[in-house]
Amino acid sequence: MKRVISSLVIATALVGSAIQPAAARDRHHDDTGRAIAGGVAAGVVGGLIGGAIANSGPRYVDGPRYVEPAPRCWYEDRDVRNRYDGGYHIETVQVCE
């Protein structure tokens, strides 16, 4: 909201400085300079207002967060009970911390 208000204040200042008193407008001169100045002023004002509107959306910021490290795993040969005869045999098993 602050940006919109400041953009409107700047736009008002630019437009106010572009408007000349009535006595200056009564002279019959080439108005090419005024037309260029008016176009530049309109572009600046439009850019300011458009930029303020485009930047007024919500902000999503990822804060610092804790990421748990992956478990450390390896393979070991261990004695495993044999289910058929009640004995043991050696089998390669994945072990993780």
N, C-alpha and C. Protein backbone atom coordinates (compact mmCIF):
# COMPACT_ATOMS: atom_id res chain seq x y z
N MET A 1 0.83 -1.18 0.00
CA MET A 1 0.00 0.00 0.00
C MET A 1 0.88 1.26 0.00
N LYS A 2 2.02 1.16 0.68
CA LYS A 2 2.92 2.29 0.75
C LYS A 2 3.44 2.66 -0.63
N ARG A 3 3.73 1.65 -1.43
CA ARG A 3 4.25 1.89 -2.78
C ARG A 3 3.20 2.56 -3.66
N VAL A 4 1.96 2.14 -3.51
CA VAL A 4 0.89 2.73 -4.33
C VAL A 4 0.74 4.21 -4.00
N ILE A 5 0.75 4.52 -2.72
CA ILE A 5 0.59 5.92 -2.32
C ILE A 5 1.77 6.75 -2.80
N SER A 6 2.99 6.22 -2.63
CA SER A 6 4.15 6.99 -3.09
C SER A 6 4.15 7.14 -4.61
N SER A 7 3.68 6.12 -5.32
CA SER A 7 3.59 6.24 -6.77
C SER A 7 2.58 7.30 -7.19
N LEU A 8 1.46 7.37 -6.49
CA LEU A 8 0.46 8.39 -6.79
C LEU A 8 0.98 9.79 -6.50
N VAL A 9 1.76 9.95 -5.43
CA VAL A 9 2.34 11.26 -5.12
C VAL A 9 3.32 11.68 -6.21
N ILE A 10 4.15 10.75 -6.65
CA ILE A 10 5.11 11.06 -7.72
C ILE A 10 4.38 11.38 -9.02
N ALA A 11 3.33 10.61 -9.32
CA ALA A 11 2.57 10.86 -10.54
C ALA A 11 1.91 12.24 -10.50
N THR A 12 1.39 12.60 -9.36
CA THR A 12 0.77 13.92 -9.22
C THR A 12 1.80 15.03 -9.41
N ALA A 13 2.99 14.84 -8.88
CA ALA A 13 4.04 15.84 -9.04
C ALA A 13 4.45 15.98 -10.51
N LEU A 14 4.57 14.83 -11.20
CA LEU A 14 4.96 14.89 -12.61
C LEU A 14 3.89 15.54 -13.48
N VAL A 15 2.64 15.17 -13.24
CA VAL A 15 1.55 15.75 -14.03
C VAL A 15 1.41 17.23 -13.71
N GLY A 16 1.57 17.60 -12.44
CA GLY A 16 1.46 19.01 -12.05
C GLY A 16 2.54 19.86 -12.68
N SER A 17 3.74 19.31 -12.81
CA SER A 17 4.82 20.09 -13.43
C SER A 17 4.65 20.15 -14.95
N ALA A 18 3.92 19.20 -15.54
CA ALA A 18 3.71 19.21 -16.99
C ALA A 18 2.63 20.21 -17.42
N ILE A 19 1.72 20.52 -16.51
CA ILE A 19 0.65 21.48 -16.83
C ILE A 19 1.20 22.89 -16.71
N GLN A 20 0.97 23.69 -17.73
CA GLN A 20 1.47 25.06 -17.72
C GLN A 20 0.31 26.04 -17.53
N PRO A 21 0.61 27.24 -17.09
CA PRO A 21 -0.45 28.24 -16.91
C PRO A 21 -1.13 28.58 -18.24
N ALA A 22 -2.32 29.14 -18.15
CA ALA A 22 -3.11 29.45 -19.34
C ALA A 22 -2.42 30.50 -20.22
N ALA A 23 -1.68 31.42 -19.64
CA ALA A 23 -1.00 32.46 -20.43
C ALA A 23 0.06 31.84 -21.33
N ALA A 24 0.71 30.81 -20.87
CA ALA A 24 1.74 30.16 -21.68
C ALA A 24 1.11 29.35 -22.81
N ARG A 25 -0.10 28.88 -22.62
CA ARG A 25 -0.76 28.08 -23.66
C ARG A 25 -1.33 28.94 -24.79
N ASP A 26 -1.51 30.23 -24.56
CA ASP A 26 -2.11 31.09 -25.58
C ASP A 26 -1.18 31.42 -26.73
N ARG A 27 0.12 31.24 -26.55
CA ARG A 27 1.06 31.53 -27.63
C ARG A 27 0.93 30.48 -28.72
N HIS A 28 1.18 30.91 -29.94
CA HIS A 28 1.06 30.00 -31.08
C HIS A 28 2.45 29.54 -31.50
N HIS A 29 2.88 28.43 -30.96
CA HIS A 29 4.18 27.85 -31.28
C HIS A 29 4.00 26.38 -31.64
N ASP A 30 5.08 25.82 -32.07
CA ASP A 30 5.08 24.39 -32.38
C ASP A 30 4.97 23.61 -31.07
N ASP A 31 4.02 22.68 -30.98
CA ASP A 31 3.77 21.92 -29.75
C ASP A 31 4.45 20.55 -29.74
N THR A 32 5.47 20.34 -30.56
CA THR A 32 6.13 19.05 -30.61
C THR A 32 6.81 18.71 -29.29
N GLY A 33 7.44 19.67 -28.67
CA GLY A 33 8.13 19.45 -27.39
C GLY A 33 7.17 19.05 -26.29
N ARG A 34 6.03 19.71 -26.27
CA ARG A 34 5.02 19.38 -25.26
C ARG A 34 4.46 17.98 -25.47
N ALA A 35 4.27 17.62 -26.70
CA ALA A 35 3.75 16.28 -26.99
C ALA A 35 4.74 15.21 -26.55
N ILE A 36 6.01 15.42 -26.80
CA ILE A 36 7.03 14.46 -26.38
C ILE A 36 7.10 14.40 -24.86
N ALA A 37 7.09 15.56 -24.22
CA ALA A 37 7.15 15.60 -22.75
C ALA A 37 5.92 14.93 -22.13
N GLY A 38 4.77 15.16 -22.75
CA GLY A 38 3.55 14.52 -22.25
C GLY A 38 3.61 13.01 -22.39
N GLY A 39 4.14 12.53 -23.51
CA GLY A 39 4.27 11.08 -23.71
C GLY A 39 5.24 10.46 -22.73
N VAL A 40 6.37 11.15 -22.49
CA VAL A 40 7.34 10.64 -21.52
C VAL A 40 6.73 10.62 -20.12
N ALA A 41 6.03 11.70 -19.76
CA ALA A 41 5.42 11.76 -18.44
C ALA A 41 4.37 10.67 -18.26
N ALA A 42 3.56 10.45 -19.30
CA ALA A 42 2.54 9.40 -19.21
C ALA A 42 3.19 8.03 -19.08
N GLY A 43 4.29 7.80 -19.79
CA GLY A 43 4.99 6.51 -19.69
C GLY A 43 5.57 6.29 -18.31
N VAL A 44 6.15 7.35 -17.73
CA VAL A 44 6.73 7.23 -16.39
C VAL A 44 5.64 6.97 -15.36
N VAL A 45 4.55 7.73 -15.45
CA VAL A 45 3.45 7.56 -14.50
C VAL A 45 2.85 6.17 -14.65
N GLY A 46 2.62 5.74 -15.86
CA GLY A 46 2.06 4.40 -16.07
C GLY A 46 2.99 3.31 -15.56
N GLY A 47 4.30 3.49 -15.78
CA GLY A 47 5.26 2.51 -15.27
C GLY A 47 5.29 2.45 -13.76
N LEU A 48 5.22 3.60 -13.13
CA LEU A 48 5.20 3.63 -11.66
C LEU A 48 3.96 2.96 -11.09
N ILE A 49 2.81 3.30 -11.64
CA ILE A 49 1.57 2.72 -11.14
C ILE A 49 1.52 1.23 -11.45
N GLY A 50 1.90 0.85 -12.66
CA GLY A 50 1.90 -0.57 -13.02
C GLY A 50 2.88 -1.37 -12.18
N GLY A 51 4.05 -0.81 -11.91
CA GLY A 51 5.03 -1.49 -11.06
C GLY A 51 4.54 -1.64 -9.64
N ALA A 52 3.88 -0.63 -9.12
CA ALA A 52 3.36 -0.71 -7.76
C ALA A 52 2.27 -1.76 -7.66
N ILE A 53 1.42 -1.85 -8.67
CA ILE A 53 0.37 -2.87 -8.65
C ILE A 53 0.96 -4.26 -8.79
N ALA A 54 1.95 -4.42 -9.65
CA ALA A 54 2.56 -5.73 -9.87
C ALA A 54 3.32 -6.22 -8.64
N ASN A 55 3.89 -5.32 -7.86
CA ASN A 55 4.67 -5.72 -6.69
C ASN A 55 3.86 -5.77 -5.41
N SER A 56 2.57 -5.60 -5.47
CA SER A 56 1.77 -5.55 -4.25
C SER A 56 1.26 -6.92 -3.81
N GLY A 57 1.63 -7.99 -4.49
CA GLY A 57 1.15 -9.33 -4.14
C GLY A 57 1.81 -9.87 -2.89
N PRO A 58 1.34 -11.04 -2.43
CA PRO A 58 1.90 -11.65 -1.22
C PRO A 58 3.33 -12.15 -1.45
N ARG A 59 4.09 -12.21 -0.41
CA ARG A 59 5.46 -12.70 -0.47
C ARG A 59 5.54 -14.03 0.27
N TYR A 60 6.18 -14.99 -0.32
CA TYR A 60 6.40 -16.29 0.30
C TYR A 60 7.90 -16.48 0.45
N VAL A 61 8.35 -16.55 1.70
CA VAL A 61 9.77 -16.68 1.97
C VAL A 61 9.99 -17.97 2.75
N ASP A 62 10.89 -18.80 2.24
CA ASP A 62 11.23 -20.01 2.96
C ASP A 62 12.24 -19.67 4.04
N GLY A 63 11.86 -19.92 5.27
CA GLY A 63 12.76 -19.67 6.38
C GLY A 63 13.71 -20.85 6.57
N PRO A 64 14.65 -20.69 7.46
CA PRO A 64 15.56 -21.81 7.72
C PRO A 64 14.79 -22.96 8.36
N ARG A 65 15.09 -24.14 7.94
CA ARG A 65 14.40 -25.30 8.51
C ARG A 65 15.40 -26.43 8.67
N TYR A 66 15.10 -27.32 9.58
CA TYR A 66 15.98 -28.44 9.87
C TYR A 66 15.62 -29.59 8.94
N VAL A 67 16.62 -30.10 8.27
CA VAL A 67 16.43 -31.25 7.40
C VAL A 67 17.17 -32.42 8.03
N GLU A 68 16.41 -33.44 8.38
CA GLU A 68 17.02 -34.60 9.03
C GLU A 68 17.86 -35.37 8.02
N PRO A 69 19.09 -35.71 8.38
CA PRO A 69 19.94 -36.42 7.43
C PRO A 69 19.41 -37.83 7.16
N ALA A 70 19.72 -38.34 5.98
CA ALA A 70 19.28 -39.69 5.61
C ALA A 70 19.99 -40.71 6.50
N PRO A 71 19.33 -41.82 6.81
CA PRO A 71 19.97 -42.82 7.65
C PRO A 71 21.18 -43.44 6.95
N ARG A 72 22.17 -43.79 7.74
CA ARG A 72 23.37 -44.42 7.22
C ARG A 72 23.12 -45.92 7.19
N CYS A 73 23.24 -46.54 6.02
CA CYS A 73 22.97 -47.98 5.87
C CYS A 73 24.17 -48.69 5.27
N TRP A 74 24.33 -49.97 5.61
CA TRP A 74 25.37 -50.83 5.06
C TRP A 74 24.89 -52.27 5.13
N TYR A 75 25.63 -53.17 4.49
CA TYR A 75 25.29 -54.59 4.47
C TYR A 75 26.28 -55.36 5.33
N GLU A 76 25.75 -56.29 6.13
CA GLU A 76 26.57 -57.15 6.98
C GLU A 76 26.13 -58.59 6.84
N ASP A 77 27.05 -59.48 7.07
CA ASP A 77 26.72 -60.91 7.15
C ASP A 77 26.34 -61.21 8.59
N ARG A 78 25.14 -61.76 8.80
CA ARG A 78 24.65 -62.05 10.15
C ARG A 78 24.08 -63.46 10.19
N ASP A 79 24.09 -64.01 11.40
CA ASP A 79 23.45 -65.30 11.60
C ASP A 79 21.95 -65.10 11.69
N VAL A 80 21.22 -65.84 10.87
CA VAL A 80 19.76 -65.73 10.83
C VAL A 80 19.18 -67.11 11.13
N ARG A 81 18.14 -67.16 11.95
CA ARG A 81 17.53 -68.43 12.31
C ARG A 81 16.81 -69.01 11.10
N ASN A 82 17.06 -70.27 10.86
CA ASN A 82 16.42 -70.99 9.76
C ASN A 82 15.05 -71.44 10.22
N ARG A 83 13.99 -71.09 9.52
CA ARG A 83 12.63 -71.40 9.98
C ARG A 83 12.23 -72.86 9.77
N TYR A 84 12.97 -73.60 8.96
CA TYR A 84 12.56 -74.97 8.67
C TYR A 84 13.10 -75.99 9.68
N ASP A 85 14.34 -75.83 10.09
CA ASP A 85 14.90 -76.84 10.99
C ASP A 85 15.37 -76.29 12.32
N GLY A 86 15.17 -74.98 12.56
CA GLY A 86 15.53 -74.39 13.84
C GLY A 86 17.00 -74.03 13.96
N GLY A 87 17.78 -74.26 12.92
CA GLY A 87 19.20 -73.93 12.97
C GLY A 87 19.45 -72.51 12.50
N TYR A 88 20.71 -72.19 12.29
CA TYR A 88 21.10 -70.85 11.85
C TYR A 88 21.89 -70.96 10.55
N HIS A 89 21.82 -69.92 9.78
CA HIS A 89 22.64 -69.81 8.58
C HIS A 89 23.08 -68.35 8.42
N ILE A 90 24.10 -68.11 7.63
CA ILE A 90 24.60 -66.75 7.43
C ILE A 90 23.89 -66.14 6.23
N GLU A 91 23.43 -64.90 6.43
CA GLU A 91 22.71 -64.19 5.38
C GLU A 91 23.19 -62.74 5.38
N THR A 92 23.28 -62.13 4.18
CA THR A 92 23.65 -60.72 4.07
C THR A 92 22.40 -59.88 4.33
N VAL A 93 22.52 -58.97 5.31
CA VAL A 93 21.36 -58.18 5.77
C VAL A 93 21.74 -56.71 5.74
N GLN A 94 20.78 -55.86 5.33
CA GLN A 94 20.99 -54.41 5.35
C GLN A 94 20.76 -53.89 6.76
N VAL A 95 21.73 -53.14 7.29
CA VAL A 95 21.65 -52.60 8.63
C VAL A 95 21.68 -51.08 8.52
N CYS A 96 20.76 -50.39 9.20
CA CYS A 96 20.70 -48.92 9.16
C CYS A 96 20.75 -48.36 10.57
N GLU A 97 21.36 -47.20 10.72
CA GLU A 97 21.38 -46.50 12.01
C GLU A 97 20.26 -45.51 12.06
